[in-house]
Amino acid sequence: MLEQTAQEYPLTKYKLLDAALKLMLTKGYHATTVDEICAEAKVTKGSFFHYFKSKEDAGKETIHFFEKLQLKTIHSAGLDQISDPWEKLHKYLDFFVLLANNPDSPRSCLTAIMTQELADTYSDFRGLCEDKFISNAKPLKDLLDEVIIKYPPNRPLDSQNLSEYFLSIYQGSLILAKSRQNRSVLVENIEHYRSYMKILFNK
């Protein structure tokens, strides 16, 4: 996925975005400086300001960059190869279990970090993060819409709400995993969500 995303940007801009992402995932937005981004990317400060008007501009583009990586990661799960929506839902959850068990997968979410740091003071950042959370939930929402049509649940369900519920479970689990230095909580809570889906759909 990284290679595909890299092809969408000029090389120097890709290096800057990749560096900003790594630093902001680790240190947060405020603690990351333009000088650090340039040093991590091994490019000049002039190159930074060629592509970005400011650190704020770079931060916003880094959120877009992170979202592209997330969506391409989900696409790599191979959900399109499965026709039955219930099986596809399990494949989706299985994929997140694999991510949870992968020590190289991100330990934090940039959108969540930005929201925590900036939502109360930068309304444009808050709006951008809100849009990205909705976008991140969309693949699961679309999948749940298919499940609801083919396997009517035992009560009316809101697919948007259920997809955001999973998002909140995973985001919260990332925080718990980080505090405990143990990612097993991610798997446990994904399985709790799976069990809840079985109850809702009488499976």
N, C-alpha and C. Protein backbone atom coordinates (compact mmCIF):
# COMPACT_ATOMS: atom_id res chain seq x y z
N MET A 1 0.82 -1.21 0.00
CA MET A 1 0.00 0.00 0.00
C MET A 1 0.85 1.26 0.00
N LEU A 2 1.98 1.21 0.72
CA LEU A 2 2.84 2.38 0.76
C LEU A 2 3.38 2.71 -0.61
N GLU A 3 3.76 1.65 -1.37
CA GLU A 3 4.31 1.87 -2.70
C GLU A 3 3.26 2.51 -3.61
N GLN A 4 2.02 2.04 -3.54
CA GLN A 4 0.96 2.60 -4.37
C GLN A 4 0.69 4.05 -4.00
N THR A 5 0.67 4.34 -2.72
CA THR A 5 0.42 5.71 -2.28
C THR A 5 1.57 6.62 -2.69
N ALA A 6 2.79 6.12 -2.62
CA ALA A 6 3.95 6.93 -2.99
C ALA A 6 3.87 7.39 -4.44
N GLN A 7 3.30 6.57 -5.30
CA GLN A 7 3.20 6.91 -6.71
C GLN A 7 2.23 8.06 -6.97
N GLU A 8 1.40 8.40 -6.00
CA GLU A 8 0.41 9.45 -6.17
C GLU A 8 0.97 10.84 -5.86
N TYR A 9 2.19 10.90 -5.37
CA TYR A 9 2.79 12.18 -4.97
C TYR A 9 4.17 12.35 -5.60
N PRO A 10 4.59 13.60 -5.79
CA PRO A 10 6.01 13.83 -6.10
C PRO A 10 6.86 13.24 -4.97
N LEU A 11 8.02 12.71 -5.30
CA LEU A 11 8.82 11.98 -4.31
C LEU A 11 9.10 12.80 -3.05
N THR A 12 9.50 14.05 -3.24
CA THR A 12 9.83 14.88 -2.07
C THR A 12 8.61 15.12 -1.19
N LYS A 13 7.47 15.37 -1.81
CA LYS A 13 6.25 15.59 -1.03
C LYS A 13 5.87 14.31 -0.28
N TYR A 14 6.02 13.18 -0.93
CA TYR A 14 5.73 11.90 -0.26
C TYR A 14 6.63 11.73 0.96
N LYS A 15 7.91 12.02 0.80
CA LYS A 15 8.84 11.88 1.93
C LYS A 15 8.42 12.78 3.09
N LEU A 16 7.98 14.00 2.78
CA LEU A 16 7.56 14.94 3.81
C LEU A 16 6.29 14.45 4.52
N LEU A 17 5.33 13.97 3.76
CA LEU A 17 4.10 13.47 4.35
C LEU A 17 4.35 12.23 5.20
N ASP A 18 5.19 11.34 4.70
CA ASP A 18 5.52 10.12 5.44
C ASP A 18 6.24 10.47 6.73
N ALA A 19 7.14 11.44 6.66
CA ALA A 19 7.86 11.88 7.86
C ALA A 19 6.92 12.54 8.85
N ALA A 20 6.04 13.40 8.36
CA ALA A 20 5.07 14.07 9.24
C ALA A 20 4.17 13.05 9.91
N LEU A 21 3.75 12.05 9.16
CA LEU A 21 2.88 11.01 9.73
C LEU A 21 3.59 10.25 10.85
N LYS A 22 4.80 9.82 10.60
CA LYS A 22 5.55 9.08 11.61
C LYS A 22 5.73 9.91 12.88
N LEU A 23 6.11 11.16 12.72
CA LEU A 23 6.37 12.01 13.88
C LEU A 23 5.09 12.36 14.64
N MET A 24 4.04 12.68 13.90
CA MET A 24 2.80 13.08 14.57
C MET A 24 2.11 11.90 15.23
N LEU A 25 2.26 10.71 14.69
CA LEU A 25 1.73 9.52 15.35
C LEU A 25 2.45 9.27 16.67
N THR A 26 3.72 9.63 16.73
CA THR A 26 4.53 9.39 17.92
C THR A 26 4.45 10.53 18.92
N LYS A 27 4.55 11.78 18.40
CA LYS A 27 4.68 12.93 19.29
C LYS A 27 3.44 13.82 19.34
N GLY A 28 2.54 13.64 18.39
CA GLY A 28 1.41 14.54 18.30
C GLY A 28 1.71 15.71 17.38
N TYR A 29 0.71 16.51 17.12
CA TYR A 29 0.84 17.64 16.19
C TYR A 29 1.67 18.78 16.78
N HIS A 30 1.31 19.23 17.97
CA HIS A 30 1.98 20.40 18.55
C HIS A 30 3.46 20.17 18.79
N ALA A 31 3.82 18.96 19.21
CA ALA A 31 5.22 18.68 19.56
C ALA A 31 6.10 18.42 18.34
N THR A 32 5.49 18.28 17.18
CA THR A 32 6.25 18.04 15.94
C THR A 32 6.55 19.37 15.27
N THR A 33 7.82 19.61 14.95
CA THR A 33 8.21 20.87 14.32
C THR A 33 8.51 20.67 12.83
N VAL A 34 8.47 21.76 12.10
CA VAL A 34 8.81 21.72 10.68
C VAL A 34 10.25 21.23 10.50
N ASP A 35 11.15 21.69 11.35
CA ASP A 35 12.55 21.27 11.26
C ASP A 35 12.67 19.75 11.43
N GLU A 36 11.91 19.18 12.36
CA GLU A 36 11.96 17.74 12.57
C GLU A 36 11.41 16.97 11.37
N ILE A 37 10.36 17.49 10.78
CA ILE A 37 9.79 16.84 9.60
C ILE A 37 10.82 16.83 8.47
N CYS A 38 11.48 17.96 8.26
CA CYS A 38 12.49 18.05 7.20
C CYS A 38 13.67 17.12 7.48
N ALA A 39 14.09 17.06 8.74
CA ALA A 39 15.21 16.19 9.10
C ALA A 39 14.84 14.73 8.89
N GLU A 40 13.63 14.35 9.30
CA GLU A 40 13.17 12.97 9.14
C GLU A 40 13.07 12.60 7.66
N ALA A 41 12.59 13.55 6.85
CA ALA A 41 12.42 13.31 5.41
C ALA A 41 13.72 13.46 4.63
N LYS A 42 14.72 14.06 5.30
CA LYS A 42 16.02 14.33 4.66
C LYS A 42 15.86 15.26 3.46
N VAL A 43 15.10 16.32 3.65
CA VAL A 43 14.92 17.34 2.62
C VAL A 43 15.12 18.72 3.26
N THR A 44 15.25 19.73 2.43
CA THR A 44 15.48 21.08 2.94
C THR A 44 14.18 21.74 3.38
N LYS A 45 14.33 22.78 4.18
CA LYS A 45 13.16 23.53 4.63
C LYS A 45 12.49 24.23 3.45
N GLY A 46 13.32 24.61 2.47
CA GLY A 46 12.77 25.22 1.26
C GLY A 46 11.83 24.26 0.54
N SER A 47 12.19 22.99 0.53
CA SER A 47 11.34 21.98 -0.11
C SER A 47 10.00 21.87 0.63
N PHE A 48 10.06 21.95 1.96
CA PHE A 48 8.83 21.89 2.74
C PHE A 48 7.88 23.01 2.32
N PHE A 49 8.39 24.23 2.27
CA PHE A 49 7.53 25.36 1.96
C PHE A 49 7.20 25.47 0.46
N HIS A 50 7.86 24.66 -0.34
CA HIS A 50 7.45 24.55 -1.74
C HIS A 50 6.11 23.81 -1.84
N TYR A 51 5.92 22.82 -0.97
CA TYR A 51 4.71 21.99 -1.03
C TYR A 51 3.64 22.40 -0.02
N PHE A 52 4.06 23.04 1.09
CA PHE A 52 3.09 23.41 2.12
C PHE A 52 3.25 24.86 2.52
N LYS A 53 2.14 25.54 2.70
CA LYS A 53 2.19 26.95 3.08
C LYS A 53 2.60 27.12 4.54
N SER A 54 2.32 26.12 5.35
CA SER A 54 2.58 26.22 6.79
C SER A 54 2.55 24.83 7.39
N LYS A 55 2.90 24.72 8.65
CA LYS A 55 2.79 23.45 9.37
C LYS A 55 1.32 23.02 9.43
N GLU A 56 0.41 23.97 9.60
CA GLU A 56 -1.01 23.65 9.63
C GLU A 56 -1.45 23.02 8.31
N ASP A 57 -0.99 23.59 7.21
CA ASP A 57 -1.31 23.05 5.89
C ASP A 57 -0.76 21.62 5.76
N ALA A 58 0.46 21.41 6.23
CA ALA A 58 1.06 20.07 6.18
C ALA A 58 0.29 19.09 7.05
N GLY A 59 -0.17 19.56 8.22
CA GLY A 59 -0.95 18.70 9.11
C GLY A 59 -2.23 18.23 8.46
N LYS A 60 -2.91 19.13 7.77
CA LYS A 60 -4.16 18.76 7.10
C LYS A 60 -3.90 17.76 5.98
N GLU A 61 -2.85 18.01 5.19
CA GLU A 61 -2.54 17.07 4.11
C GLU A 61 -2.10 15.72 4.65
N THR A 62 -1.47 15.72 5.82
CA THR A 62 -1.06 14.45 6.43
C THR A 62 -2.27 13.63 6.85
N ILE A 63 -3.34 14.30 7.29
CA ILE A 63 -4.58 13.59 7.62
C ILE A 63 -5.15 12.92 6.37
N HIS A 64 -5.16 13.64 5.24
CA HIS A 64 -5.62 13.05 3.97
C HIS A 64 -4.74 11.86 3.58
N PHE A 65 -3.44 12.03 3.75
CA PHE A 65 -2.46 10.99 3.43
C PHE A 65 -2.72 9.74 4.27
N PHE A 66 -2.95 9.94 5.56
CA PHE A 66 -3.22 8.82 6.47
C PHE A 66 -4.50 8.10 6.08
N GLU A 67 -5.52 8.87 5.69
CA GLU A 67 -6.78 8.24 5.29
C GLU A 67 -6.59 7.36 4.06
N LYS A 68 -5.81 7.82 3.09
CA LYS A 68 -5.56 7.01 1.90
C LYS A 68 -4.92 5.69 2.28
N LEU A 69 -3.96 5.74 3.19
CA LEU A 69 -3.31 4.50 3.63
C LEU A 69 -4.30 3.57 4.31
N GLN A 70 -5.18 4.14 5.14
CA GLN A 70 -6.18 3.32 5.84
C GLN A 70 -7.12 2.63 4.86
N LEU A 71 -7.65 3.40 3.90
CA LEU A 71 -8.61 2.84 2.96
C LEU A 71 -7.96 1.78 2.07
N LYS A 72 -6.71 2.00 1.70
CA LYS A 72 -6.02 1.01 0.88
C LYS A 72 -5.72 -0.26 1.69
N THR A 73 -5.47 -0.08 2.97
CA THR A 73 -5.27 -1.23 3.84
C THR A 73 -6.53 -2.08 3.90
N ILE A 74 -7.68 -1.42 4.08
CA ILE A 74 -8.96 -2.15 4.13
C ILE A 74 -9.23 -2.82 2.79
N HIS A 75 -8.94 -2.12 1.69
CA HIS A 75 -9.17 -2.69 0.35
C HIS A 75 -8.35 -3.97 0.16
N SER A 76 -7.17 -4.02 0.79
CA SER A 76 -6.30 -5.19 0.63
C SER A 76 -6.86 -6.43 1.32
N ALA A 77 -7.92 -6.25 2.10
CA ALA A 77 -8.51 -7.40 2.80
C ALA A 77 -9.19 -8.37 1.85
N GLY A 78 -9.44 -7.96 0.61
CA GLY A 78 -10.05 -8.85 -0.38
C GLY A 78 -11.53 -9.07 -0.19
N LEU A 79 -12.23 -8.07 0.38
CA LEU A 79 -13.67 -8.23 0.61
C LEU A 79 -14.46 -8.37 -0.68
N ASP A 80 -13.97 -7.77 -1.75
CA ASP A 80 -14.68 -7.83 -3.03
C ASP A 80 -14.76 -9.24 -3.60
N GLN A 81 -13.92 -10.12 -3.10
CA GLN A 81 -13.90 -11.49 -3.60
C GLN A 81 -14.96 -12.37 -2.94
N ILE A 82 -15.68 -11.82 -1.97
CA ILE A 82 -16.70 -12.58 -1.23
C ILE A 82 -18.07 -12.03 -1.58
N SER A 83 -18.99 -12.91 -1.97
CA SER A 83 -20.32 -12.47 -2.39
C SER A 83 -21.31 -12.37 -1.24
N ASP A 84 -21.25 -13.29 -0.30
CA ASP A 84 -22.22 -13.28 0.79
C ASP A 84 -21.85 -12.19 1.80
N PRO A 85 -22.77 -11.27 2.10
CA PRO A 85 -22.44 -10.15 2.99
C PRO A 85 -22.11 -10.57 4.41
N TRP A 86 -22.75 -11.63 4.92
CA TRP A 86 -22.44 -12.08 6.28
C TRP A 86 -21.01 -12.62 6.36
N GLU A 87 -20.62 -13.39 5.36
CA GLU A 87 -19.24 -13.88 5.31
C GLU A 87 -18.27 -12.71 5.14
N LYS A 88 -18.70 -11.74 4.35
CA LYS A 88 -17.85 -10.56 4.12
C LYS A 88 -17.64 -9.79 5.42
N LEU A 89 -18.69 -9.68 6.23
CA LEU A 89 -18.57 -9.00 7.53
C LEU A 89 -17.54 -9.71 8.41
N HIS A 90 -17.59 -11.04 8.42
CA HIS A 90 -16.62 -11.79 9.22
C HIS A 90 -15.20 -11.61 8.67
N LYS A 91 -15.09 -11.56 7.37
CA LYS A 91 -13.78 -11.32 6.75
C LYS A 91 -13.24 -9.96 7.15
N TYR A 92 -14.12 -8.97 7.18
CA TYR A 92 -13.74 -7.62 7.60
C TYR A 92 -13.20 -7.65 9.04
N LEU A 93 -13.93 -8.30 9.92
CA LEU A 93 -13.49 -8.38 11.32
C LEU A 93 -12.23 -9.22 11.46
N ASP A 94 -12.13 -10.30 10.69
CA ASP A 94 -10.91 -11.12 10.70
C ASP A 94 -9.70 -10.28 10.31
N PHE A 95 -9.90 -9.40 9.34
CA PHE A 95 -8.80 -8.57 8.87
C PHE A 95 -8.31 -7.64 9.98
N PHE A 96 -9.25 -7.10 10.75
CA PHE A 96 -8.84 -6.22 11.86
C PHE A 96 -8.18 -7.02 12.98
N VAL A 97 -8.55 -8.27 13.12
CA VAL A 97 -7.84 -9.13 14.08
C VAL A 97 -6.40 -9.32 13.62
N LEU A 98 -6.22 -9.54 12.32
CA LEU A 98 -4.85 -9.67 11.79
C LEU A 98 -4.04 -8.41 12.02
N LEU A 99 -4.67 -7.25 11.80
CA LEU A 99 -3.99 -5.98 12.06
C LEU A 99 -3.60 -5.87 13.53
N ALA A 100 -4.54 -6.24 14.39
CA ALA A 100 -4.28 -6.15 15.83
C ALA A 100 -3.11 -7.02 16.25
N ASN A 101 -2.97 -8.18 15.59
CA ASN A 101 -1.89 -9.11 15.93
C ASN A 101 -0.58 -8.80 15.23
N ASN A 102 -0.62 -7.83 14.33
CA ASN A 102 0.60 -7.47 13.58
C ASN A 102 1.38 -6.40 14.34
N PRO A 103 2.55 -6.70 14.85
CA PRO A 103 3.31 -5.71 15.63
C PRO A 103 3.74 -4.50 14.81
N ASP A 104 3.71 -4.62 13.48
CA ASP A 104 4.13 -3.51 12.62
C ASP A 104 2.97 -2.58 12.24
N SER A 105 1.75 -2.95 12.60
CA SER A 105 0.61 -2.10 12.27
C SER A 105 0.60 -0.88 13.19
N PRO A 106 -0.03 0.23 12.75
CA PRO A 106 -0.01 1.46 13.56
C PRO A 106 -0.55 1.24 14.96
N ARG A 107 0.12 1.85 15.93
CA ARG A 107 -0.30 1.75 17.33
C ARG A 107 -1.22 2.90 17.72
N SER A 108 -1.39 3.85 16.82
CA SER A 108 -2.23 5.00 17.08
C SER A 108 -2.95 5.38 15.79
N CYS A 109 -3.92 6.27 15.92
CA CYS A 109 -4.64 6.79 14.77
C CYS A 109 -4.41 8.29 14.69
N LEU A 110 -3.90 8.77 13.57
CA LEU A 110 -3.60 10.20 13.44
C LEU A 110 -4.86 11.04 13.59
N THR A 111 -5.97 10.59 13.03
CA THR A 111 -7.21 11.37 13.13
C THR A 111 -7.63 11.52 14.58
N ALA A 112 -7.48 10.46 15.37
CA ALA A 112 -7.82 10.53 16.79
C ALA A 112 -6.88 11.48 17.53
N ILE A 113 -5.59 11.40 17.22
CA ILE A 113 -4.60 12.27 17.86
C ILE A 113 -4.91 13.73 17.56
N MET A 114 -5.17 14.02 16.29
CA MET A 114 -5.48 15.39 15.89
C MET A 114 -6.76 15.89 16.56
N THR A 115 -7.76 15.03 16.64
CA THR A 115 -9.01 15.42 17.28
C THR A 115 -8.79 15.78 18.74
N GLN A 116 -8.05 14.93 19.45
CA GLN A 116 -7.79 15.19 20.86
C GLN A 116 -7.02 16.50 21.07
N GLU A 117 -6.06 16.75 20.21
CA GLU A 117 -5.21 17.93 20.37
C GLU A 117 -5.86 19.23 19.89
N LEU A 118 -6.62 19.16 18.79
CA LEU A 118 -6.95 20.38 18.08
C LEU A 118 -8.43 20.72 17.98
N ALA A 119 -9.31 19.77 18.29
CA ALA A 119 -10.75 19.99 18.03
C ALA A 119 -11.31 21.18 18.79
N ASP A 120 -10.82 21.45 19.98
CA ASP A 120 -11.37 22.55 20.78
C ASP A 120 -10.83 23.91 20.39
N THR A 121 -9.73 23.93 19.63
CA THR A 121 -9.10 25.22 19.31
C THR A 121 -9.01 25.52 17.82
N TYR A 122 -9.11 24.50 16.96
CA TYR A 122 -9.04 24.69 15.51
C TYR A 122 -10.28 24.06 14.88
N SER A 123 -11.26 24.88 14.57
CA SER A 123 -12.53 24.34 14.06
C SER A 123 -12.36 23.66 12.71
N ASP A 124 -11.43 24.17 11.88
CA ASP A 124 -11.25 23.54 10.58
C ASP A 124 -10.62 22.16 10.71
N PHE A 125 -9.70 21.98 11.67
CA PHE A 125 -9.15 20.66 11.94
C PHE A 125 -10.24 19.73 12.48
N ARG A 126 -11.08 20.26 13.38
CA ARG A 126 -12.15 19.44 13.94
C ARG A 126 -13.08 18.94 12.85
N GLY A 127 -13.47 19.84 11.92
CA GLY A 127 -14.35 19.45 10.83
C GLY A 127 -13.70 18.43 9.91
N LEU A 128 -12.42 18.61 9.64
CA LEU A 128 -11.70 17.66 8.79
C LEU A 128 -11.64 16.28 9.45
N CYS A 129 -11.35 16.25 10.74
CA CYS A 129 -11.28 14.97 11.45
C CYS A 129 -12.65 14.30 11.48
N GLU A 130 -13.69 15.08 11.68
CA GLU A 130 -15.04 14.50 11.67
C GLU A 130 -15.34 13.85 10.32
N ASP A 131 -14.99 14.54 9.25
CA ASP A 131 -15.20 13.98 7.90
C ASP A 131 -14.42 12.68 7.72
N LYS A 132 -13.20 12.63 8.25
CA LYS A 132 -12.37 11.45 8.07
C LYS A 132 -12.92 10.27 8.88
N PHE A 133 -13.46 10.53 10.05
CA PHE A 133 -14.06 9.44 10.83
C PHE A 133 -15.26 8.86 10.08
N ILE A 134 -16.07 9.73 9.48
CA ILE A 134 -17.21 9.26 8.70
C ILE A 134 -16.72 8.42 7.51
N SER A 135 -15.67 8.90 6.85
CA SER A 135 -15.11 8.19 5.71
C SER A 135 -14.54 6.83 6.14
N ASN A 136 -13.88 6.80 7.30
CA ASN A 136 -13.30 5.54 7.79
C ASN A 136 -14.38 4.52 8.12
N ALA A 137 -15.54 5.01 8.55
CA ALA A 137 -16.63 4.10 8.91
C ALA A 137 -17.40 3.61 7.69
N LYS A 138 -17.25 4.29 6.55
CA LYS A 138 -18.09 4.00 5.39
C LYS A 138 -17.95 2.57 4.86
N PRO A 139 -16.75 1.99 4.74
CA PRO A 139 -16.67 0.61 4.23
C PRO A 139 -17.51 -0.37 5.06
N LEU A 140 -17.46 -0.22 6.39
CA LEU A 140 -18.25 -1.11 7.24
C LEU A 140 -19.73 -0.77 7.13
N LYS A 141 -20.07 0.51 7.04
CA LYS A 141 -21.48 0.90 6.88
C LYS A 141 -22.08 0.28 5.63
N ASP A 142 -21.35 0.38 4.51
CA ASP A 142 -21.84 -0.19 3.25
C ASP A 142 -22.03 -1.70 3.38
N LEU A 143 -21.09 -2.34 4.06
CA LEU A 143 -21.17 -3.79 4.26
C LEU A 143 -22.36 -4.16 5.14
N LEU A 144 -22.59 -3.40 6.20
CA LEU A 144 -23.72 -3.67 7.08
C LEU A 144 -25.05 -3.44 6.37
N ASP A 145 -25.09 -2.47 5.46
CA ASP A 145 -26.29 -2.27 4.66
C ASP A 145 -26.64 -3.53 3.87
N GLU A 146 -25.61 -4.17 3.30
CA GLU A 146 -25.81 -5.42 2.56
C GLU A 146 -26.32 -6.53 3.48
N VAL A 147 -25.71 -6.62 4.67
CA VAL A 147 -26.12 -7.67 5.61
C VAL A 147 -27.58 -7.47 6.03
N ILE A 148 -27.96 -6.23 6.32
CA ILE A 148 -29.32 -5.92 6.76
C ILE A 148 -30.35 -6.30 5.70
N ILE A 149 -30.02 -6.08 4.43
CA ILE A 149 -30.94 -6.42 3.35
C ILE A 149 -31.11 -7.93 3.21
N LYS A 150 -29.99 -8.65 3.25
CA LYS A 150 -30.06 -10.10 3.02
C LYS A 150 -30.47 -10.87 4.27
N TYR A 151 -30.07 -10.38 5.43
CA TYR A 151 -30.38 -11.08 6.68
C TYR A 151 -31.05 -10.10 7.64
N PRO A 152 -32.35 -9.88 7.48
CA PRO A 152 -33.06 -8.90 8.31
C PRO A 152 -32.82 -9.15 9.80
N PRO A 153 -32.42 -8.13 10.53
CA PRO A 153 -32.14 -8.29 11.97
C PRO A 153 -33.42 -8.40 12.78
N ASN A 154 -33.25 -8.68 14.07
CA ASN A 154 -34.42 -8.87 14.93
C ASN A 154 -35.02 -7.55 15.41
N ARG A 155 -34.40 -6.43 15.04
CA ARG A 155 -34.96 -5.11 15.32
C ARG A 155 -34.34 -4.11 14.36
N PRO A 156 -34.96 -2.93 14.17
CA PRO A 156 -34.39 -1.94 13.25
C PRO A 156 -32.97 -1.54 13.67
N LEU A 157 -32.08 -1.48 12.69
CA LEU A 157 -30.68 -1.12 12.96
C LEU A 157 -30.25 0.05 12.10
N ASP A 158 -29.37 0.85 12.64
CA ASP A 158 -28.78 1.98 11.93
C ASP A 158 -27.35 1.59 11.57
N SER A 159 -27.09 1.36 10.30
CA SER A 159 -25.76 0.90 9.87
C SER A 159 -24.67 1.93 10.15
N GLN A 160 -25.01 3.22 10.05
CA GLN A 160 -24.03 4.26 10.36
C GLN A 160 -23.63 4.19 11.83
N ASN A 161 -24.64 4.05 12.68
CA ASN A 161 -24.38 3.95 14.11
C ASN A 161 -23.53 2.73 14.45
N LEU A 162 -23.86 1.59 13.82
CA LEU A 162 -23.11 0.36 14.10
C LEU A 162 -21.67 0.43 13.59
N SER A 163 -21.47 1.11 12.46
CA SER A 163 -20.10 1.24 11.94
C SER A 163 -19.29 2.19 12.82
N GLU A 164 -19.92 3.25 13.31
CA GLU A 164 -19.22 4.17 14.21
C GLU A 164 -18.96 3.51 15.57
N TYR A 165 -19.85 2.61 15.96
CA TYR A 165 -19.64 1.85 17.20
C TYR A 165 -18.36 1.02 17.10
N PHE A 166 -18.19 0.35 15.95
CA PHE A 166 -16.96 -0.43 15.77
C PHE A 166 -15.74 0.49 15.78
N LEU A 167 -15.87 1.63 15.12
CA LEU A 167 -14.76 2.59 15.08
C LEU A 167 -14.39 3.03 16.50
N SER A 168 -15.40 3.30 17.31
CA SER A 168 -15.12 3.73 18.68
C SER A 168 -14.50 2.60 19.50
N ILE A 169 -14.95 1.37 19.26
CA ILE A 169 -14.36 0.22 19.95
C ILE A 169 -12.88 0.09 19.59
N TYR A 170 -12.58 0.18 18.30
CA TYR A 170 -11.20 -0.01 17.87
C TYR A 170 -10.31 1.14 18.36
N GLN A 171 -10.82 2.38 18.26
CA GLN A 171 -10.04 3.53 18.71
C GLN A 171 -9.76 3.44 20.21
N GLY A 172 -10.82 3.12 20.97
CA GLY A 172 -10.62 2.99 22.41
C GLY A 172 -9.68 1.86 22.77
N SER A 173 -9.75 0.79 22.00
CA SER A 173 -8.87 -0.35 22.25
C SER A 173 -7.42 -0.02 21.95
N LEU A 174 -7.20 0.83 20.94
CA LEU A 174 -5.83 1.27 20.66
C LEU A 174 -5.24 2.01 21.86
N ILE A 175 -6.06 2.83 22.51
CA ILE A 175 -5.59 3.57 23.68
C ILE A 175 -5.28 2.61 24.82
N LEU A 176 -6.19 1.65 25.06
CA LEU A 176 -5.95 0.67 26.11
C LEU A 176 -4.70 -0.17 25.82
N ALA A 177 -4.55 -0.57 24.55
CA ALA A 177 -3.39 -1.39 24.17
C ALA A 177 -2.10 -0.62 24.40
N LYS A 178 -2.14 0.67 24.11
CA LYS A 178 -0.94 1.50 24.28
C LYS A 178 -0.60 1.65 25.77
N SER A 179 -1.63 1.85 26.59
CA SER A 179 -1.39 2.04 28.02
C SER A 179 -0.88 0.75 28.68
N ARG A 180 -1.36 -0.39 28.17
CA ARG A 180 -0.97 -1.68 28.75
C ARG A 180 0.26 -2.27 28.09
N GLN A 181 0.64 -1.69 26.92
CA GLN A 181 1.71 -2.27 26.11
C GLN A 181 1.38 -3.72 25.77
N ASN A 182 0.11 -3.93 25.44
CA ASN A 182 -0.38 -5.27 25.12
C ASN A 182 -1.56 -5.12 24.17
N ARG A 183 -1.44 -5.67 22.96
CA ARG A 183 -2.45 -5.47 21.94
C ARG A 183 -3.59 -6.50 22.00
N SER A 184 -3.55 -7.39 22.97
CA SER A 184 -4.58 -8.43 23.04
C SER A 184 -5.98 -7.84 23.25
N VAL A 185 -6.06 -6.67 23.87
CA VAL A 185 -7.36 -6.04 24.09
C VAL A 185 -8.05 -5.70 22.77
N LEU A 186 -7.27 -5.42 21.73
CA LEU A 186 -7.83 -5.15 20.41
C LEU A 186 -8.60 -6.36 19.90
N VAL A 187 -7.97 -7.52 19.97
CA VAL A 187 -8.61 -8.75 19.50
C VAL A 187 -9.83 -9.07 20.35
N GLU A 188 -9.71 -8.95 21.65
CA GLU A 188 -10.83 -9.26 22.55
C GLU A 188 -12.05 -8.40 22.22
N ASN A 189 -11.84 -7.12 21.99
CA ASN A 189 -12.98 -6.23 21.75
C ASN A 189 -13.55 -6.37 20.34
N ILE A 190 -12.71 -6.72 19.37
CA ILE A 190 -13.24 -7.05 18.04
C ILE A 190 -14.15 -8.26 18.13
N GLU A 191 -13.74 -9.25 18.92
CA GLU A 191 -14.56 -10.46 19.08
C GLU A 191 -15.86 -10.17 19.83
N HIS A 192 -15.82 -9.22 20.77
CA HIS A 192 -17.06 -8.81 21.44
C HIS A 192 -18.02 -8.19 20.42
N TYR A 193 -17.47 -7.39 19.51
CA TYR A 193 -18.32 -6.78 18.48
C TYR A 193 -18.89 -7.87 17.57
N ARG A 194 -18.08 -8.85 17.22
CA ARG A 194 -18.55 -9.95 16.39
C ARG A 194 -19.71 -10.68 17.07
N SER A 195 -19.55 -10.94 18.36
CA SER A 195 -20.61 -11.62 19.12
C SER A 195 -21.89 -10.79 19.13
N TYR A 196 -21.75 -9.49 19.26
CA TYR A 196 -22.91 -8.60 19.25
C TYR A 196 -23.62 -8.65 17.91
N MET A 197 -22.87 -8.70 16.82
CA MET A 197 -23.48 -8.81 15.49
C MET A 197 -24.27 -10.12 15.36
N LYS A 198 -23.74 -11.20 15.91
CA LYS A 198 -24.44 -12.49 15.85
C LYS A 198 -25.77 -12.42 16.58
N ILE A 199 -25.78 -11.70 17.69
CA ILE A 199 -27.04 -11.55 18.44
C ILE A 199 -28.03 -10.72 17.64
N LEU A 200 -27.58 -9.61 17.06
CA LEU A 200 -28.47 -8.73 16.32
C LEU A 200 -29.09 -9.41 15.10
N PHE A 201 -28.31 -10.30 14.49
CA PHE A 201 -28.77 -10.94 13.25
C PHE A 201 -29.18 -12.40 13.47
N ASN A 202 -29.36 -12.79 14.71
CA ASN A 202 -29.82 -14.16 15.01
C ASN A 202 -28.93 -15.22 14.38
N LYS A 203 -27.65 -15.04 14.46
CA LYS A 203 -26.71 -15.97 13.85
C LYS A 203 -25.98 -16.80 14.90
